[in-house]
N, C-alpha and C. Protein backbone atom coordinates (compact mmCIF):
# COMPACT_ATOMS: atom_id res chain seq x y z
N UNK A 1 -20.24 -37.89 12.85
CA UNK A 1 -19.98 -36.48 12.65
C UNK A 1 -18.95 -35.96 13.66
N UNK A 2 -18.97 -36.49 14.88
CA UNK A 2 -18.04 -36.05 15.91
C UNK A 2 -16.60 -36.38 15.54
N UNK A 3 -16.37 -37.56 14.96
CA UNK A 3 -15.02 -37.96 14.56
C UNK A 3 -14.51 -37.06 13.45
N UNK A 4 -15.38 -36.73 12.49
CA UNK A 4 -14.98 -35.85 11.37
C UNK A 4 -14.55 -34.48 11.91
N UNK A 5 -15.30 -33.92 12.84
CA UNK A 5 -14.95 -32.62 13.43
C UNK A 5 -13.62 -32.70 14.17
N UNK A 6 -13.41 -33.79 14.88
CA UNK A 6 -12.17 -33.98 15.61
C UNK A 6 -10.98 -34.03 14.66
N UNK A 7 -11.14 -34.76 13.55
CA UNK A 7 -10.07 -34.85 12.55
C UNK A 7 -9.79 -33.49 11.94
N UNK A 8 -10.86 -32.75 11.59
CA UNK A 8 -10.69 -31.41 11.02
C UNK A 8 -10.01 -30.47 12.02
N UNK A 9 -10.40 -30.56 13.29
CA UNK A 9 -9.79 -29.70 14.31
C UNK A 9 -8.31 -30.03 14.48
N UNK A 10 -7.97 -31.31 14.47
CA UNK A 10 -6.56 -31.72 14.58
C UNK A 10 -5.77 -31.24 13.38
N UNK A 11 -6.36 -31.35 12.20
CA UNK A 11 -5.68 -30.88 10.99
C UNK A 11 -5.46 -29.38 11.05
N UNK A 12 -6.46 -28.64 11.49
CA UNK A 12 -6.32 -27.18 11.61
C UNK A 12 -5.24 -26.82 12.62
N UNK A 13 -5.19 -27.55 13.74
CA UNK A 13 -4.15 -27.30 14.74
C UNK A 13 -2.77 -27.60 14.18
N UNK A 14 -2.65 -28.68 13.44
CA UNK A 14 -1.36 -29.05 12.84
C UNK A 14 -0.91 -27.99 11.85
N UNK A 15 -1.85 -27.51 11.03
CA UNK A 15 -1.51 -26.47 10.06
C UNK A 15 -1.12 -25.18 10.76
N UNK A 16 -1.85 -24.80 11.79
CA UNK A 16 -1.52 -23.55 12.48
C UNK A 16 -0.21 -23.68 13.24
N UNK A 17 0.08 -24.87 13.76
CA UNK A 17 1.36 -25.07 14.44
C UNK A 17 2.51 -24.95 13.46
N UNK A 18 2.32 -25.50 12.26
CA UNK A 18 3.35 -25.38 11.22
C UNK A 18 3.55 -23.93 10.82
N UNK A 19 2.46 -23.20 10.64
CA UNK A 19 2.56 -21.77 10.29
C UNK A 19 3.22 -21.00 11.41
N UNK A 20 2.86 -21.34 12.65
CA UNK A 20 3.45 -20.66 13.80
C UNK A 20 4.96 -20.92 13.85
N UNK A 21 5.36 -22.16 13.56
CA UNK A 21 6.79 -22.49 13.53
C UNK A 21 7.51 -21.70 12.44
N UNK A 22 6.85 -21.57 11.27
CA UNK A 22 7.42 -20.77 10.18
C UNK A 22 7.60 -19.32 10.62
N UNK A 23 6.57 -18.77 11.28
CA UNK A 23 6.63 -17.39 11.76
C UNK A 23 7.81 -17.21 12.72
N UNK A 24 7.99 -18.16 13.61
CA UNK A 24 9.10 -18.08 14.58
C UNK A 24 10.44 -18.12 13.85
N UNK A 25 10.57 -19.00 12.87
CA UNK A 25 11.83 -19.11 12.12
C UNK A 25 12.10 -17.83 11.34
N UNK A 26 11.07 -17.27 10.73
CA UNK A 26 11.25 -16.03 9.97
C UNK A 26 11.57 -14.88 10.91
N UNK A 27 10.89 -14.80 12.04
CA UNK A 27 11.19 -13.76 13.04
C UNK A 27 12.65 -13.86 13.47
N UNK A 28 13.11 -15.08 13.71
CA UNK A 28 14.49 -15.30 14.12
C UNK A 28 15.47 -14.83 13.03
N UNK A 29 15.07 -15.00 11.77
CA UNK A 29 15.92 -14.55 10.65
C UNK A 29 15.85 -13.03 10.46
N UNK A 30 14.69 -12.42 10.74
CA UNK A 30 14.53 -10.98 10.51
C UNK A 30 15.04 -10.11 11.65
N UNK A 31 15.04 -10.60 12.86
CA UNK A 31 15.53 -9.81 14.00
C UNK A 31 16.94 -9.26 13.74
N UNK A 32 17.89 -10.10 13.26
CA UNK A 32 19.23 -9.56 12.98
C UNK A 32 19.23 -8.52 11.85
N UNK A 33 18.27 -8.64 10.92
CA UNK A 33 18.18 -7.65 9.84
C UNK A 33 17.79 -6.29 10.41
N UNK A 34 16.89 -6.29 11.38
CA UNK A 34 16.51 -5.03 12.01
C UNK A 34 17.66 -4.47 12.86
N UNK A 35 18.46 -5.34 13.47
CA UNK A 35 19.64 -4.85 14.22
C UNK A 35 20.64 -4.20 13.25
N UNK A 36 20.80 -4.83 12.05
CA UNK A 36 21.68 -4.24 11.03
C UNK A 36 21.14 -2.89 10.56
N UNK A 37 19.83 -2.81 10.41
CA UNK A 37 19.20 -1.55 9.99
C UNK A 37 19.43 -0.48 11.07
N UNK A 38 19.25 -0.85 12.32
CA UNK A 38 19.49 0.10 13.43
C UNK A 38 20.94 0.60 13.39
N UNK A 39 21.88 -0.33 13.21
CA UNK A 39 23.30 0.06 13.16
C UNK A 39 23.58 0.99 11.98
N UNK A 40 22.98 0.70 10.83
CA UNK A 40 23.18 1.54 9.65
C UNK A 40 22.62 2.94 9.91
N UNK A 41 21.46 3.03 10.55
CA UNK A 41 20.89 4.33 10.89
C UNK A 41 21.77 5.07 11.90
N UNK A 42 22.26 4.35 12.90
CA UNK A 42 23.14 4.99 13.91
C UNK A 42 24.37 5.60 13.25
N UNK A 43 24.92 4.90 12.27
CA UNK A 43 26.11 5.39 11.57
C UNK A 43 25.75 6.36 10.43
N UNK A 44 24.43 6.49 10.17
CA UNK A 44 23.95 7.32 9.05
C UNK A 44 24.58 6.83 7.74
N UNK A 45 24.61 5.52 7.58
CA UNK A 45 25.25 4.87 6.43
C UNK A 45 24.20 4.43 5.42
N UNK A 46 23.93 5.29 4.45
CA UNK A 46 22.90 5.01 3.46
C UNK A 46 23.21 3.75 2.64
N UNK A 47 24.48 3.50 2.37
CA UNK A 47 24.85 2.30 1.60
C UNK A 47 24.53 1.03 2.37
N UNK A 48 24.74 1.05 3.69
CA UNK A 48 24.43 -0.12 4.52
C UNK A 48 22.91 -0.34 4.58
N UNK A 49 22.15 0.74 4.61
CA UNK A 49 20.68 0.61 4.60
C UNK A 49 20.25 -0.01 3.28
N UNK A 50 20.73 0.53 2.18
CA UNK A 50 20.31 0.05 0.86
C UNK A 50 20.78 -1.37 0.59
N UNK A 51 21.86 -1.82 1.23
CA UNK A 51 22.34 -3.19 1.06
C UNK A 51 21.34 -4.21 1.62
N UNK A 52 20.41 -3.74 2.46
CA UNK A 52 19.41 -4.62 3.05
C UNK A 52 18.14 -4.72 2.20
N UNK A 53 18.15 -4.05 1.04
CA UNK A 53 16.95 -4.04 0.20
C UNK A 53 17.07 -5.03 -0.96
N UNK A 54 15.92 -5.42 -1.45
CA UNK A 54 15.83 -6.36 -2.57
C UNK A 54 15.74 -5.59 -3.89
N UNK A 55 16.09 -6.24 -4.99
CA UNK A 55 15.84 -5.60 -6.30
C UNK A 55 14.35 -5.25 -6.41
N UNK A 56 14.07 -4.06 -6.90
CA UNK A 56 12.68 -3.62 -7.02
C UNK A 56 12.15 -2.95 -5.77
N UNK A 57 13.01 -2.70 -4.79
CA UNK A 57 12.61 -2.06 -3.54
C UNK A 57 11.89 -0.74 -3.80
N UNK A 58 10.82 -0.49 -3.03
CA UNK A 58 10.11 0.78 -3.10
C UNK A 58 9.79 1.27 -1.70
N UNK A 59 9.55 2.57 -1.61
CA UNK A 59 9.06 3.19 -0.39
C UNK A 59 7.65 3.67 -0.64
N UNK A 60 6.84 3.67 0.40
CA UNK A 60 5.46 4.10 0.23
C UNK A 60 5.04 4.92 1.44
N UNK A 61 4.38 6.03 1.14
CA UNK A 61 3.81 6.88 2.19
C UNK A 61 2.50 7.41 1.66
N UNK A 62 1.41 7.08 2.33
CA UNK A 62 0.10 7.45 1.81
C UNK A 62 -0.14 6.73 0.51
N UNK A 63 -0.54 7.48 -0.51
CA UNK A 63 -0.81 6.87 -1.82
C UNK A 63 0.41 6.90 -2.73
N UNK A 64 1.49 7.56 -2.29
CA UNK A 64 2.67 7.71 -3.14
C UNK A 64 3.65 6.55 -2.93
N UNK A 65 4.02 5.91 -4.03
CA UNK A 65 5.04 4.86 -4.02
C UNK A 65 6.22 5.39 -4.82
N UNK A 66 7.42 5.28 -4.24
CA UNK A 66 8.62 5.80 -4.91
C UNK A 66 9.67 4.71 -5.06
N UNK A 67 10.48 4.85 -6.10
CA UNK A 67 11.54 3.89 -6.40
C UNK A 67 12.68 4.00 -5.40
N UNK A 68 13.50 2.98 -5.38
CA UNK A 68 14.63 2.89 -4.46
C UNK A 68 15.55 4.11 -4.55
N UNK A 69 15.78 4.60 -5.76
CA UNK A 69 16.69 5.74 -5.94
C UNK A 69 16.20 6.97 -5.19
N UNK A 70 14.89 7.21 -5.22
CA UNK A 70 14.33 8.37 -4.52
C UNK A 70 14.39 8.17 -3.01
N UNK A 71 14.09 6.96 -2.56
CA UNK A 71 14.19 6.65 -1.13
C UNK A 71 15.62 6.89 -0.67
N UNK A 72 16.58 6.40 -1.45
CA UNK A 72 18.00 6.56 -1.11
C UNK A 72 18.38 8.04 -1.05
N UNK A 73 17.92 8.82 -2.01
CA UNK A 73 18.24 10.25 -2.03
C UNK A 73 17.63 10.96 -0.82
N UNK A 74 16.35 10.71 -0.53
CA UNK A 74 15.68 11.38 0.59
C UNK A 74 16.30 10.98 1.93
N UNK A 75 16.57 9.70 2.10
CA UNK A 75 17.18 9.24 3.35
C UNK A 75 18.59 9.79 3.48
N UNK A 76 19.33 9.83 2.38
CA UNK A 76 20.68 10.41 2.39
C UNK A 76 20.66 11.87 2.81
N UNK A 77 19.66 12.63 2.33
CA UNK A 77 19.56 14.04 2.72
C UNK A 77 19.25 14.16 4.21
N UNK A 78 18.38 13.30 4.72
CA UNK A 78 18.07 13.32 6.16
C UNK A 78 19.31 12.97 6.99
N UNK A 79 20.04 11.96 6.55
CA UNK A 79 21.26 11.60 7.27
C UNK A 79 22.27 12.75 7.25
N UNK A 80 22.38 13.44 6.12
CA UNK A 80 23.33 14.54 6.00
C UNK A 80 22.97 15.70 6.93
N UNK A 81 21.68 15.90 7.19
CA UNK A 81 21.24 16.96 8.11
C UNK A 81 21.66 16.68 9.55
N UNK A 82 21.77 15.42 9.89
CA UNK A 82 22.06 15.03 11.27
C UNK A 82 23.53 15.21 11.61
N UNK A 83 23.76 15.87 12.72
CA UNK A 83 25.12 15.95 13.24
C UNK A 83 25.45 14.64 13.96
N UNK A 84 24.43 14.11 14.63
CA UNK A 84 24.62 12.88 15.41
C UNK A 84 23.29 12.16 15.57
N UNK A 85 23.32 10.85 15.43
CA UNK A 85 22.15 10.03 15.73
C UNK A 85 22.34 9.56 17.16
N UNK A 86 21.38 9.82 18.01
CA UNK A 86 21.49 9.46 19.43
C UNK A 86 20.98 8.05 19.71
N UNK A 87 19.85 7.69 19.11
CA UNK A 87 19.29 6.36 19.36
C UNK A 87 18.39 5.93 18.20
N UNK A 88 18.34 4.62 18.00
CA UNK A 88 17.46 4.03 16.99
C UNK A 88 16.97 2.70 17.57
N UNK A 89 15.66 2.50 17.51
CA UNK A 89 15.10 1.23 17.97
C UNK A 89 14.00 0.81 17.02
N UNK A 90 14.07 -0.43 16.54
CA UNK A 90 13.05 -1.00 15.66
C UNK A 90 12.59 -2.31 16.28
N UNK A 91 11.27 -2.48 16.34
CA UNK A 91 10.69 -3.65 16.99
C UNK A 91 9.65 -4.30 16.10
N UNK A 92 9.77 -5.59 15.93
CA UNK A 92 8.75 -6.34 15.19
C UNK A 92 7.55 -6.49 16.10
N UNK A 93 6.47 -5.76 15.77
CA UNK A 93 5.24 -5.82 16.57
C UNK A 93 4.34 -6.94 16.08
N UNK A 94 4.36 -7.19 14.78
CA UNK A 94 3.52 -8.25 14.20
C UNK A 94 4.23 -8.78 12.96
N UNK A 95 4.09 -10.07 12.73
CA UNK A 95 4.73 -10.72 11.59
C UNK A 95 3.74 -11.68 10.94
N UNK A 96 3.62 -11.58 9.62
CA UNK A 96 2.78 -12.50 8.86
C UNK A 96 3.60 -13.04 7.70
N UNK A 97 3.70 -14.35 7.62
CA UNK A 97 4.46 -14.99 6.54
C UNK A 97 3.48 -15.47 5.48
N UNK A 98 3.79 -15.08 4.23
CA UNK A 98 2.97 -15.50 3.08
C UNK A 98 3.91 -15.97 2.00
N UNK A 99 4.09 -17.28 1.89
CA UNK A 99 5.00 -17.83 0.88
C UNK A 99 6.42 -17.36 1.14
N UNK A 100 7.03 -16.76 0.12
CA UNK A 100 8.41 -16.28 0.24
C UNK A 100 8.51 -14.85 0.75
N UNK A 101 7.39 -14.30 1.21
CA UNK A 101 7.39 -12.93 1.75
C UNK A 101 6.98 -12.94 3.21
N UNK A 102 7.43 -11.91 3.90
CA UNK A 102 7.03 -11.70 5.29
C UNK A 102 6.65 -10.24 5.43
N UNK A 103 5.50 -9.99 6.03
CA UNK A 103 5.05 -8.62 6.26
C UNK A 103 5.19 -8.34 7.75
N UNK A 104 5.94 -7.29 8.06
CA UNK A 104 6.22 -6.92 9.44
C UNK A 104 5.60 -5.57 9.74
N UNK A 105 4.88 -5.51 10.85
CA UNK A 105 4.49 -4.21 11.40
C UNK A 105 5.62 -3.84 12.35
N UNK A 106 6.36 -2.81 11.97
CA UNK A 106 7.56 -2.39 12.69
C UNK A 106 7.28 -1.09 13.46
N UNK A 107 7.51 -1.12 14.75
CA UNK A 107 7.42 0.10 15.55
C UNK A 107 8.83 0.63 15.70
N UNK A 108 9.00 1.91 15.38
CA UNK A 108 10.34 2.49 15.42
C UNK A 108 10.37 3.75 16.26
N UNK A 109 11.56 4.07 16.72
CA UNK A 109 11.80 5.33 17.42
C UNK A 109 13.25 5.70 17.17
N UNK A 110 13.49 6.97 16.88
CA UNK A 110 14.86 7.44 16.76
C UNK A 110 14.96 8.87 17.25
N UNK A 111 16.15 9.24 17.63
CA UNK A 111 16.41 10.63 18.02
C UNK A 111 17.80 11.01 17.57
N UNK A 112 17.97 12.29 17.30
CA UNK A 112 19.26 12.77 16.84
C UNK A 112 19.39 14.27 17.05
N UNK A 113 20.54 14.77 16.67
CA UNK A 113 20.88 16.18 16.82
C UNK A 113 21.15 16.77 15.44
N UNK A 114 20.53 17.92 15.17
CA UNK A 114 20.88 18.67 13.97
C UNK A 114 21.40 20.03 14.42
N UNK A 115 22.20 20.64 13.61
CA UNK A 115 22.73 21.97 13.92
C UNK A 115 22.46 22.89 12.73
N UNK A 116 21.27 23.52 12.71
CA UNK A 116 20.95 24.39 11.57
C UNK A 116 21.84 25.63 11.53
N UNK A 117 22.28 26.09 12.68
CA UNK A 117 23.21 27.21 12.80
C UNK A 117 24.43 26.73 13.56
N UNK A 118 25.53 27.43 13.39
CA UNK A 118 26.79 27.00 13.98
C UNK A 118 26.69 26.76 15.50
N UNK A 119 26.00 27.63 16.21
CA UNK A 119 25.95 27.53 17.67
C UNK A 119 24.59 27.08 18.19
N UNK A 120 23.75 26.52 17.34
CA UNK A 120 22.42 26.11 17.76
C UNK A 120 22.26 24.61 17.60
N UNK A 121 21.95 23.95 18.70
CA UNK A 121 21.72 22.51 18.69
C UNK A 121 20.21 22.28 18.74
N UNK A 122 19.72 21.46 17.84
CA UNK A 122 18.29 21.15 17.78
C UNK A 122 18.13 19.63 17.89
N UNK A 123 17.24 19.22 18.81
CA UNK A 123 16.97 17.79 18.98
C UNK A 123 15.78 17.43 18.09
N UNK A 124 15.96 16.38 17.31
CA UNK A 124 14.85 15.89 16.51
C UNK A 124 14.62 14.42 16.85
N UNK A 125 13.37 14.01 16.74
CA UNK A 125 13.02 12.63 17.05
C UNK A 125 11.83 12.24 16.19
N UNK A 126 11.60 10.95 16.10
CA UNK A 126 10.44 10.45 15.38
C UNK A 126 10.08 9.09 15.98
N UNK A 127 8.80 8.87 16.14
CA UNK A 127 8.29 7.55 16.51
C UNK A 127 7.19 7.23 15.52
N UNK A 128 7.03 5.97 15.22
CA UNK A 128 5.98 5.62 14.27
C UNK A 128 5.92 4.15 13.98
N UNK A 129 5.22 3.87 12.89
CA UNK A 129 4.97 2.48 12.49
C UNK A 129 5.18 2.38 10.99
N UNK A 130 5.88 1.34 10.58
CA UNK A 130 6.00 1.03 9.15
C UNK A 130 5.47 -0.38 8.91
N UNK A 131 5.04 -0.61 7.69
CA UNK A 131 4.68 -1.97 7.26
C UNK A 131 5.77 -2.36 6.27
N UNK A 132 6.60 -3.29 6.69
CA UNK A 132 7.77 -3.69 5.90
C UNK A 132 7.51 -5.04 5.25
N UNK A 133 7.68 -5.10 3.95
CA UNK A 133 7.54 -6.37 3.24
C UNK A 133 8.94 -6.87 2.92
N UNK A 134 9.28 -8.02 3.46
CA UNK A 134 10.57 -8.67 3.23
C UNK A 134 10.36 -9.82 2.28
N UNK A 135 11.36 -10.09 1.45
CA UNK A 135 11.27 -11.22 0.54
C UNK A 135 12.53 -12.07 0.66
N UNK A 136 12.34 -13.36 0.50
CA UNK A 136 13.46 -14.30 0.58
C UNK A 136 14.21 -14.28 -0.75
N UNK A 137 15.51 -13.97 -0.71
CA UNK A 137 16.33 -13.92 -1.92
C UNK A 137 17.50 -14.89 -1.76
N UNK A 138 18.32 -14.98 -2.79
CA UNK A 138 19.51 -15.83 -2.70
C UNK A 138 20.50 -15.29 -1.66
N UNK A 139 20.37 -14.01 -1.30
CA UNK A 139 21.23 -13.39 -0.28
C UNK A 139 20.57 -13.38 1.09
N UNK A 140 19.45 -14.08 1.22
CA UNK A 140 18.71 -14.09 2.48
C UNK A 140 17.54 -13.11 2.40
N UNK A 141 16.98 -12.76 3.53
CA UNK A 141 15.84 -11.86 3.56
C UNK A 141 16.28 -10.45 3.21
N UNK A 142 15.52 -9.81 2.31
CA UNK A 142 15.79 -8.43 1.91
C UNK A 142 14.48 -7.65 1.90
N UNK A 143 14.59 -6.38 2.17
CA UNK A 143 13.43 -5.49 2.25
C UNK A 143 12.94 -5.14 0.85
N UNK A 144 11.68 -5.47 0.57
CA UNK A 144 11.09 -5.21 -0.74
C UNK A 144 10.29 -3.91 -0.75
N UNK A 145 9.60 -3.63 0.35
CA UNK A 145 8.87 -2.36 0.44
C UNK A 145 8.80 -1.91 1.89
N UNK A 146 8.98 -0.61 2.07
CA UNK A 146 8.83 0.01 3.37
C UNK A 146 7.71 1.03 3.23
N UNK A 147 6.61 0.78 3.93
CA UNK A 147 5.45 1.67 3.87
C UNK A 147 5.27 2.36 5.21
N UNK A 148 5.32 3.68 5.21
CA UNK A 148 5.12 4.43 6.45
C UNK A 148 3.63 4.50 6.74
N UNK A 149 3.25 3.97 7.88
CA UNK A 149 1.86 3.97 8.32
C UNK A 149 1.60 5.19 9.20
N UNK A 150 2.51 5.44 10.12
CA UNK A 150 2.37 6.57 11.04
C UNK A 150 3.75 7.10 11.38
N UNK A 151 3.87 8.41 11.39
CA UNK A 151 5.12 9.08 11.73
C UNK A 151 4.79 10.28 12.62
N UNK A 152 5.52 10.43 13.71
CA UNK A 152 5.29 11.52 14.66
C UNK A 152 6.59 12.28 14.92
N UNK A 153 7.08 13.02 13.92
CA UNK A 153 8.35 13.73 14.11
C UNK A 153 8.20 14.92 15.07
N UNK A 154 9.26 15.14 15.84
CA UNK A 154 9.29 16.29 16.76
C UNK A 154 10.62 17.03 16.62
N UNK A 155 10.56 18.31 16.94
CA UNK A 155 11.76 19.16 17.02
C UNK A 155 11.76 19.76 18.42
N UNK A 156 12.81 19.51 19.17
CA UNK A 156 12.91 19.96 20.56
C UNK A 156 11.65 19.61 21.36
N UNK A 157 11.13 18.41 21.10
CA UNK A 157 9.99 17.91 21.85
C UNK A 157 8.62 18.38 21.36
N UNK A 158 8.59 19.28 20.40
CA UNK A 158 7.31 19.78 19.88
C UNK A 158 7.00 19.09 18.56
N UNK A 159 5.71 18.83 18.29
CA UNK A 159 5.37 18.26 16.98
C UNK A 159 5.94 19.12 15.87
N UNK A 160 6.39 18.48 14.79
CA UNK A 160 7.08 19.17 13.70
C UNK A 160 6.30 20.38 13.19
N UNK A 161 5.01 20.23 12.91
CA UNK A 161 4.22 21.34 12.37
C UNK A 161 4.22 22.53 13.33
N UNK A 162 4.09 22.24 14.61
CA UNK A 162 4.10 23.31 15.62
C UNK A 162 5.47 23.97 15.70
N UNK A 163 6.52 23.16 15.67
CA UNK A 163 7.89 23.68 15.78
C UNK A 163 8.27 24.54 14.59
N UNK A 164 7.71 24.25 13.42
CA UNK A 164 8.06 24.99 12.20
C UNK A 164 7.16 26.19 11.93
N UNK A 165 6.09 26.37 12.72
CA UNK A 165 5.17 27.50 12.53
C UNK A 165 5.96 28.80 12.58
N UNK A 166 5.77 29.62 11.57
CA UNK A 166 6.40 30.93 11.55
C UNK A 166 7.87 30.94 11.21
N UNK A 167 8.47 29.78 10.96
CA UNK A 167 9.90 29.72 10.67
C UNK A 167 10.23 30.12 9.23
N UNK A 168 9.26 29.99 8.31
CA UNK A 168 9.57 30.22 6.90
C UNK A 168 9.90 31.69 6.60
N UNK A 169 9.37 32.62 7.38
CA UNK A 169 9.64 34.03 7.11
C UNK A 169 10.81 34.58 7.87
N UNK A 170 11.40 33.79 8.77
CA UNK A 170 12.52 34.27 9.58
C UNK A 170 13.82 34.17 8.83
N UNK A 171 14.74 35.08 9.19
CA UNK A 171 16.07 35.04 8.58
C UNK A 171 17.08 34.53 9.57
């Protein structure tokens, strides 16, 4: 019985080492994709962002899943609001490889400047977590789904809800 356990333990170690090697290889392939995504966000280039997506790409927040076209429109509107993107950082916090897909827990942070009025500068920022599903395609790894898990947007350092309180009735 001891020999059987030893063989099973060695087999499990070999399998986990192979999976670990796969994870490392996929991480090495995905890191540059996140750098490209950061650059596209810095330039507010919606076409460059969408070029990193796979056919059938969707966005998800809560229970709502939306098609690529809606994600593109919403992100394009956010980019248009920004006068300048100050910083963007995306970090792979966790990676799980399942066949031809990789699921990444991505921690992100960005900050930028909007100018709602001609002489008023407003700082906006967001930190949060997304669950990104990447799929291996003939063009390399592409983003299949971006699911927002947590988002903490701020305006001038205040949480968004607090910053917007009472703003709807003002002229």
